[in-house]
Amino acid sequence: MSTPDRTIHSRYADGTPVFEGQEPNRLPGGNRPLPDAKATGPHSQLRWDIINNRIYQAREFDARGYPIRDIDFTSPTYRNGNPRPNHAPPPHQHLWHINDPQIGPRSGFQRQAGGGFPLD
């Protein structure tokens, strides 16, 4: 029987670690809305942490199904669990922007670079 990798991937605000390989699957669609998102209207998708039984991340979409922001309920750490510098503590947000404003939404979207910022 193998021992799970105990490298810490990220931590929740209360200090609970998320170990490498135990983070939830990424949200479907990447930087594009799901095909039926326009029929749904504004909504959020949740990334659920089944090991720690809580929300890991939320992604908000506008009425057209375009991503607006991610809310991260963990912050990344070094392998030893120490927080990475220049990253906002959890929860924090990352905004999404159109890749190429000249082309518009057809160019896709990218998540704001950097360590995010506190929720507004």
N, C-alpha and C. Protein backbone atom coordinates (compact mmCIF):
# COMPACT_ATOMS: atom_id res chain seq x y z
N MET A 1 0.85 -1.18 0.00
CA MET A 1 0.00 0.00 0.00
C MET A 1 0.89 1.24 0.00
N SER A 2 0.60 2.19 -0.89
CA SER A 2 1.44 3.38 -0.98
C SER A 2 0.99 4.44 0.01
N THR A 3 1.93 5.28 0.41
CA THR A 3 1.63 6.39 1.31
C THR A 3 1.33 7.62 0.46
N PRO A 4 0.25 8.36 0.77
CA PRO A 4 -0.06 9.54 -0.04
C PRO A 4 1.02 10.61 0.11
N ASP A 5 1.19 11.38 -0.95
CA ASP A 5 2.15 12.48 -0.94
C ASP A 5 1.67 13.50 0.09
N ARG A 6 2.49 13.84 1.05
CA ARG A 6 2.09 14.78 2.10
C ARG A 6 2.57 16.19 1.81
N THR A 7 2.93 16.47 0.57
CA THR A 7 3.29 17.82 0.18
C THR A 7 2.02 18.66 0.20
N ILE A 8 2.11 19.82 0.83
CA ILE A 8 0.92 20.69 0.93
C ILE A 8 0.81 21.53 -0.33
N HIS A 9 -0.38 21.54 -0.90
CA HIS A 9 -0.67 22.30 -2.12
C HIS A 9 -1.19 23.70 -1.78
N SER A 10 -2.09 23.79 -0.80
CA SER A 10 -2.69 25.06 -0.42
C SER A 10 -3.30 24.91 0.98
N ARG A 11 -3.77 26.05 1.52
CA ARG A 11 -4.40 26.04 2.84
C ARG A 11 -5.65 26.90 2.84
N TYR A 12 -6.64 26.45 3.61
CA TYR A 12 -7.83 27.25 3.87
C TYR A 12 -7.51 28.31 4.92
N ALA A 13 -8.41 29.27 5.10
CA ALA A 13 -8.19 30.36 6.05
C ALA A 13 -7.99 29.86 7.47
N ASP A 14 -8.62 28.73 7.83
CA ASP A 14 -8.47 28.20 9.19
C ASP A 14 -7.22 27.34 9.35
N GLY A 15 -6.39 27.27 8.31
CA GLY A 15 -5.14 26.52 8.38
C GLY A 15 -5.23 25.09 7.87
N THR A 16 -6.43 24.61 7.55
CA THR A 16 -6.58 23.25 7.04
C THR A 16 -5.80 23.09 5.74
N PRO A 17 -4.91 22.09 5.68
CA PRO A 17 -4.14 21.91 4.46
C PRO A 17 -4.89 21.12 3.39
N VAL A 18 -4.57 21.39 2.15
CA VAL A 18 -5.00 20.58 1.02
C VAL A 18 -3.71 19.99 0.47
N PHE A 19 -3.60 18.66 0.53
CA PHE A 19 -2.37 18.00 0.11
C PHE A 19 -2.32 17.84 -1.40
N GLU A 20 -1.10 17.85 -1.92
CA GLU A 20 -0.86 17.66 -3.35
C GLU A 20 -1.58 16.40 -3.82
N GLY A 21 -2.31 16.53 -4.92
CA GLY A 21 -3.06 15.40 -5.47
C GLY A 21 -4.45 15.25 -4.88
N GLN A 22 -4.78 16.00 -3.84
CA GLN A 22 -6.10 15.92 -3.24
C GLN A 22 -6.96 17.14 -3.55
N GLU A 23 -6.41 18.09 -4.33
CA GLU A 23 -7.23 19.24 -4.70
C GLU A 23 -8.31 18.77 -5.68
N PRO A 24 -9.48 19.41 -5.64
CA PRO A 24 -10.57 18.98 -6.53
C PRO A 24 -10.24 19.20 -8.01
N ASN A 25 -10.94 18.47 -8.87
CA ASN A 25 -10.78 18.66 -10.32
C ASN A 25 -11.11 20.09 -10.69
N ARG A 26 -10.45 20.56 -11.73
CA ARG A 26 -10.72 21.91 -12.23
C ARG A 26 -12.15 22.00 -12.75
N LEU A 27 -12.68 23.21 -12.77
CA LEU A 27 -14.03 23.42 -13.28
C LEU A 27 -14.07 23.13 -14.77
N PRO A 28 -15.17 22.56 -15.27
CA PRO A 28 -15.25 22.24 -16.70
C PRO A 28 -15.29 23.51 -17.55
N GLY A 29 -14.78 23.41 -18.75
CA GLY A 29 -14.87 24.53 -19.69
C GLY A 29 -13.65 25.42 -19.73
N GLY A 30 -12.77 25.31 -18.74
CA GLY A 30 -11.59 26.16 -18.73
C GLY A 30 -11.97 27.63 -18.72
N ASN A 31 -11.52 28.38 -19.72
CA ASN A 31 -11.81 29.81 -19.76
C ASN A 31 -13.02 30.13 -20.64
N ARG A 32 -13.82 29.15 -20.94
CA ARG A 32 -15.03 29.34 -21.75
C ARG A 32 -16.25 28.87 -20.97
N PRO A 33 -17.41 29.51 -21.20
CA PRO A 33 -18.61 29.05 -20.51
C PRO A 33 -19.07 27.69 -21.03
N LEU A 34 -19.83 27.00 -20.21
CA LEU A 34 -20.43 25.75 -20.65
C LEU A 34 -21.44 26.04 -21.75
N PRO A 35 -21.71 25.11 -22.67
CA PRO A 35 -22.62 25.37 -23.79
C PRO A 35 -24.01 25.85 -23.37
N ASP A 36 -24.55 25.36 -22.26
CA ASP A 36 -25.90 25.76 -21.85
C ASP A 36 -25.89 26.95 -20.88
N ALA A 37 -24.74 27.58 -20.66
CA ALA A 37 -24.64 28.67 -19.69
C ALA A 37 -25.51 29.86 -20.05
N LYS A 38 -25.64 30.17 -21.34
CA LYS A 38 -26.45 31.32 -21.73
C LYS A 38 -27.91 31.13 -21.36
N ALA A 39 -28.40 29.90 -21.41
CA ALA A 39 -29.79 29.63 -21.02
C ALA A 39 -29.97 29.73 -19.51
N THR A 40 -28.89 29.54 -18.77
CA THR A 40 -28.95 29.57 -17.31
C THR A 40 -28.99 30.98 -16.77
N GLY A 41 -28.35 31.92 -17.45
CA GLY A 41 -28.24 33.28 -16.96
C GLY A 41 -27.09 33.38 -15.98
N PRO A 42 -27.01 34.49 -15.22
CA PRO A 42 -25.92 34.65 -14.26
C PRO A 42 -25.93 33.48 -13.27
N HIS A 43 -24.75 32.94 -13.02
CA HIS A 43 -24.69 31.79 -12.12
C HIS A 43 -23.25 31.58 -11.64
N SER A 44 -23.09 30.66 -10.72
CA SER A 44 -21.77 30.28 -10.22
C SER A 44 -21.61 28.78 -10.34
N GLN A 45 -20.38 28.35 -10.54
CA GLN A 45 -20.03 26.93 -10.48
C GLN A 45 -19.10 26.76 -9.29
N LEU A 46 -19.26 25.65 -8.58
CA LEU A 46 -18.45 25.41 -7.40
C LEU A 46 -17.51 24.25 -7.61
N ARG A 47 -16.33 24.39 -7.10
CA ARG A 47 -15.34 23.33 -7.05
C ARG A 47 -15.37 22.81 -5.62
N TRP A 48 -15.87 21.59 -5.44
CA TRP A 48 -16.11 21.05 -4.11
C TRP A 48 -14.96 20.16 -3.67
N ASP A 49 -14.45 20.41 -2.47
CA ASP A 49 -13.37 19.63 -1.87
C ASP A 49 -14.02 18.50 -1.08
N ILE A 50 -14.03 17.29 -1.65
CA ILE A 50 -14.71 16.16 -0.99
C ILE A 50 -13.90 15.63 0.19
N ILE A 51 -12.62 15.89 0.23
CA ILE A 51 -11.81 15.41 1.35
C ILE A 51 -12.04 16.26 2.59
N ASN A 52 -12.07 17.57 2.42
CA ASN A 52 -12.28 18.48 3.55
C ASN A 52 -13.73 18.94 3.69
N ASN A 53 -14.59 18.47 2.77
CA ASN A 53 -16.03 18.74 2.82
C ASN A 53 -16.36 20.23 2.86
N ARG A 54 -15.83 20.96 1.86
CA ARG A 54 -16.10 22.39 1.78
C ARG A 54 -15.83 22.89 0.37
N ILE A 55 -16.24 24.12 0.12
CA ILE A 55 -16.02 24.73 -1.19
C ILE A 55 -14.56 25.14 -1.31
N TYR A 56 -13.95 24.73 -2.41
CA TYR A 56 -12.55 25.05 -2.71
C TYR A 56 -12.46 26.32 -3.54
N GLN A 57 -13.39 26.46 -4.50
CA GLN A 57 -13.37 27.61 -5.41
C GLN A 57 -14.77 27.80 -5.98
N ALA A 58 -15.10 29.06 -6.28
CA ALA A 58 -16.34 29.39 -6.99
C ALA A 58 -15.98 30.22 -8.22
N ARG A 59 -16.68 29.98 -9.32
CA ARG A 59 -16.50 30.79 -10.53
C ARG A 59 -17.85 31.40 -10.86
N GLU A 60 -17.88 32.73 -11.00
CA GLU A 60 -19.10 33.45 -11.32
C GLU A 60 -19.14 33.77 -12.81
N PHE A 61 -20.35 33.65 -13.39
CA PHE A 61 -20.58 33.93 -14.81
C PHE A 61 -21.66 35.01 -14.94
N ASP A 62 -21.56 35.82 -15.99
CA ASP A 62 -22.58 36.84 -16.23
C ASP A 62 -23.75 36.24 -17.01
N ALA A 63 -24.71 37.08 -17.41
CA ALA A 63 -25.92 36.62 -18.10
C ALA A 63 -25.62 36.00 -19.46
N ARG A 64 -24.48 36.35 -20.06
CA ARG A 64 -24.10 35.77 -21.36
C ARG A 64 -23.30 34.48 -21.21
N GLY A 65 -23.01 34.11 -19.96
CA GLY A 65 -22.24 32.90 -19.71
C GLY A 65 -20.74 33.12 -19.72
N TYR A 66 -20.29 34.38 -19.67
CA TYR A 66 -18.86 34.67 -19.65
C TYR A 66 -18.35 34.70 -18.21
N PRO A 67 -17.13 34.19 -17.97
CA PRO A 67 -16.60 34.21 -16.61
C PRO A 67 -16.31 35.63 -16.15
N ILE A 68 -16.67 35.93 -14.90
CA ILE A 68 -16.44 37.25 -14.32
C ILE A 68 -15.30 37.21 -13.31
N ARG A 69 -15.39 36.26 -12.36
CA ARG A 69 -14.35 36.15 -11.35
C ARG A 69 -14.34 34.77 -10.73
N ASP A 70 -13.19 34.43 -10.17
CA ASP A 70 -13.04 33.25 -9.34
C ASP A 70 -12.89 33.72 -7.90
N ILE A 71 -13.48 32.99 -7.00
CA ILE A 71 -13.26 33.21 -5.58
C ILE A 71 -12.56 31.96 -5.08
N ASP A 72 -11.34 32.13 -4.59
CA ASP A 72 -10.54 31.03 -4.09
C ASP A 72 -10.64 30.99 -2.57
N PHE A 73 -10.97 29.83 -2.04
CA PHE A 73 -11.11 29.66 -0.60
C PHE A 73 -9.86 29.07 0.03
N THR A 74 -8.80 28.92 -0.77
CA THR A 74 -7.49 28.53 -0.28
C THR A 74 -6.47 29.46 -0.91
N SER A 75 -5.28 29.46 -0.36
CA SER A 75 -4.16 30.16 -0.97
C SER A 75 -3.03 29.17 -1.16
N PRO A 76 -2.28 29.30 -2.26
CA PRO A 76 -1.19 28.36 -2.52
C PRO A 76 -0.08 28.48 -1.49
N THR A 77 0.61 27.38 -1.29
CA THR A 77 1.71 27.33 -0.33
C THR A 77 2.95 26.74 -0.99
N TYR A 78 4.07 26.89 -0.29
CA TYR A 78 5.25 26.12 -0.65
C TYR A 78 5.00 24.68 -0.21
N ARG A 79 5.84 23.77 -0.64
CA ARG A 79 5.67 22.35 -0.34
C ARG A 79 5.59 22.07 1.16
N ASN A 80 6.22 22.91 1.97
CA ASN A 80 6.22 22.69 3.41
C ASN A 80 5.00 23.30 4.10
N GLY A 81 4.12 23.95 3.33
CA GLY A 81 2.91 24.53 3.89
C GLY A 81 2.99 26.01 4.20
N ASN A 82 4.17 26.62 4.06
CA ASN A 82 4.28 28.06 4.29
C ASN A 82 3.59 28.80 3.15
N PRO A 83 2.90 29.91 3.47
CA PRO A 83 2.20 30.66 2.41
C PRO A 83 3.17 31.26 1.41
N ARG A 84 2.72 31.35 0.17
CA ARG A 84 3.53 31.99 -0.87
C ARG A 84 3.39 33.51 -0.71
N PRO A 85 4.50 34.23 -0.88
CA PRO A 85 4.43 35.69 -0.74
C PRO A 85 3.61 36.31 -1.87
N ASN A 86 3.14 37.51 -1.62
CA ASN A 86 2.40 38.28 -2.61
C ASN A 86 1.13 37.58 -3.09
N HIS A 87 0.54 36.76 -2.23
CA HIS A 87 -0.74 36.13 -2.57
C HIS A 87 -1.72 36.48 -1.47
N ALA A 88 -2.90 36.95 -1.85
CA ALA A 88 -3.91 37.34 -0.86
C ALA A 88 -4.33 36.13 -0.03
N PRO A 89 -4.64 36.36 1.24
CA PRO A 89 -5.12 35.24 2.07
C PRO A 89 -6.53 34.85 1.63
N PRO A 90 -6.94 33.65 1.96
CA PRO A 90 -8.27 33.21 1.57
C PRO A 90 -9.34 33.81 2.49
N PRO A 91 -10.55 33.99 1.99
CA PRO A 91 -10.90 33.93 0.57
C PRO A 91 -10.42 35.19 -0.15
N HIS A 92 -10.13 35.03 -1.43
CA HIS A 92 -9.73 36.16 -2.27
C HIS A 92 -10.28 35.93 -3.67
N GLN A 93 -10.17 36.96 -4.51
CA GLN A 93 -10.76 36.87 -5.84
C GLN A 93 -9.74 37.16 -6.93
N HIS A 94 -10.05 36.61 -8.10
CA HIS A 94 -9.29 36.85 -9.33
C HIS A 94 -10.32 37.19 -10.40
N LEU A 95 -10.16 38.33 -11.05
CA LEU A 95 -11.08 38.73 -12.12
C LEU A 95 -10.68 38.08 -13.43
N TRP A 96 -11.66 37.92 -14.33
CA TRP A 96 -11.42 37.40 -15.67
C TRP A 96 -11.52 38.56 -16.66
N HIS A 97 -10.66 38.54 -17.69
CA HIS A 97 -10.64 39.57 -18.72
C HIS A 97 -10.65 38.93 -20.09
N ILE A 98 -11.18 39.66 -21.07
CA ILE A 98 -11.16 39.19 -22.46
C ILE A 98 -9.70 39.15 -22.94
N ASN A 99 -9.32 38.06 -23.60
CA ASN A 99 -7.95 37.91 -24.10
C ASN A 99 -7.56 39.06 -25.01
N ASP A 100 -8.38 39.36 -26.00
CA ASP A 100 -8.06 40.39 -26.97
C ASP A 100 -9.27 41.29 -27.14
N PRO A 101 -9.26 42.49 -26.54
CA PRO A 101 -10.42 43.39 -26.63
C PRO A 101 -10.80 43.76 -28.06
N GLN A 102 -9.83 43.73 -29.01
CA GLN A 102 -10.13 44.04 -30.41
C GLN A 102 -11.05 42.98 -31.02
N ILE A 103 -10.87 41.73 -30.58
CA ILE A 103 -11.68 40.63 -31.12
C ILE A 103 -12.95 40.44 -30.29
N GLY A 104 -12.84 40.65 -28.98
CA GLY A 104 -13.99 40.48 -28.10
C GLY A 104 -14.04 39.08 -27.49
N PRO A 105 -15.21 38.68 -27.00
CA PRO A 105 -15.34 37.40 -26.31
C PRO A 105 -14.92 36.17 -27.12
N ARG A 106 -14.98 36.26 -28.45
CA ARG A 106 -14.55 35.11 -29.26
C ARG A 106 -13.09 34.76 -29.03
N SER A 107 -12.29 35.72 -28.54
CA SER A 107 -10.87 35.46 -28.29
C SER A 107 -10.65 34.67 -27.00
N GLY A 108 -11.71 34.47 -26.24
CA GLY A 108 -11.59 33.75 -24.97
C GLY A 108 -11.29 34.69 -23.83
N PHE A 109 -11.08 34.12 -22.67
CA PHE A 109 -10.87 34.90 -21.46
C PHE A 109 -9.64 34.39 -20.73
N GLN A 110 -9.03 35.28 -19.95
CA GLN A 110 -7.90 34.87 -19.12
C GLN A 110 -8.13 35.37 -17.71
N ARG A 111 -7.68 34.58 -16.76
CA ARG A 111 -7.80 34.95 -15.36
C ARG A 111 -6.69 35.93 -15.03
N GLN A 112 -7.04 36.94 -14.25
CA GLN A 112 -6.10 37.96 -13.81
C GLN A 112 -4.85 37.32 -13.23
N ALA A 113 -3.70 37.78 -13.65
CA ALA A 113 -2.43 37.27 -13.14
C ALA A 113 -2.18 37.80 -11.74
N GLY A 114 -1.34 37.13 -11.02
CA GLY A 114 -0.96 37.60 -9.69
C GLY A 114 -1.70 36.87 -8.58
N GLY A 115 -1.53 37.39 -7.40
CA GLY A 115 -2.01 36.72 -6.21
C GLY A 115 -3.42 37.06 -5.77
N GLY A 116 -4.20 37.68 -6.65
CA GLY A 116 -5.57 37.99 -6.30
C GLY A 116 -5.64 39.16 -5.33
N PHE A 117 -6.86 39.49 -4.93
CA PHE A 117 -7.05 40.57 -3.97
C PHE A 117 -8.29 40.27 -3.14
N PRO A 118 -8.42 40.94 -1.99
CA PRO A 118 -9.54 40.64 -1.09
C PRO A 118 -10.90 40.81 -1.76
N LEU A 119 -11.88 40.12 -1.25
CA LEU A 119 -13.24 40.24 -1.77
C LEU A 119 -13.78 41.63 -1.53
N ASP A 120 -14.59 42.12 -2.47
CA ASP A 120 -15.19 43.44 -2.27
C ASP A 120 -16.62 43.29 -1.84
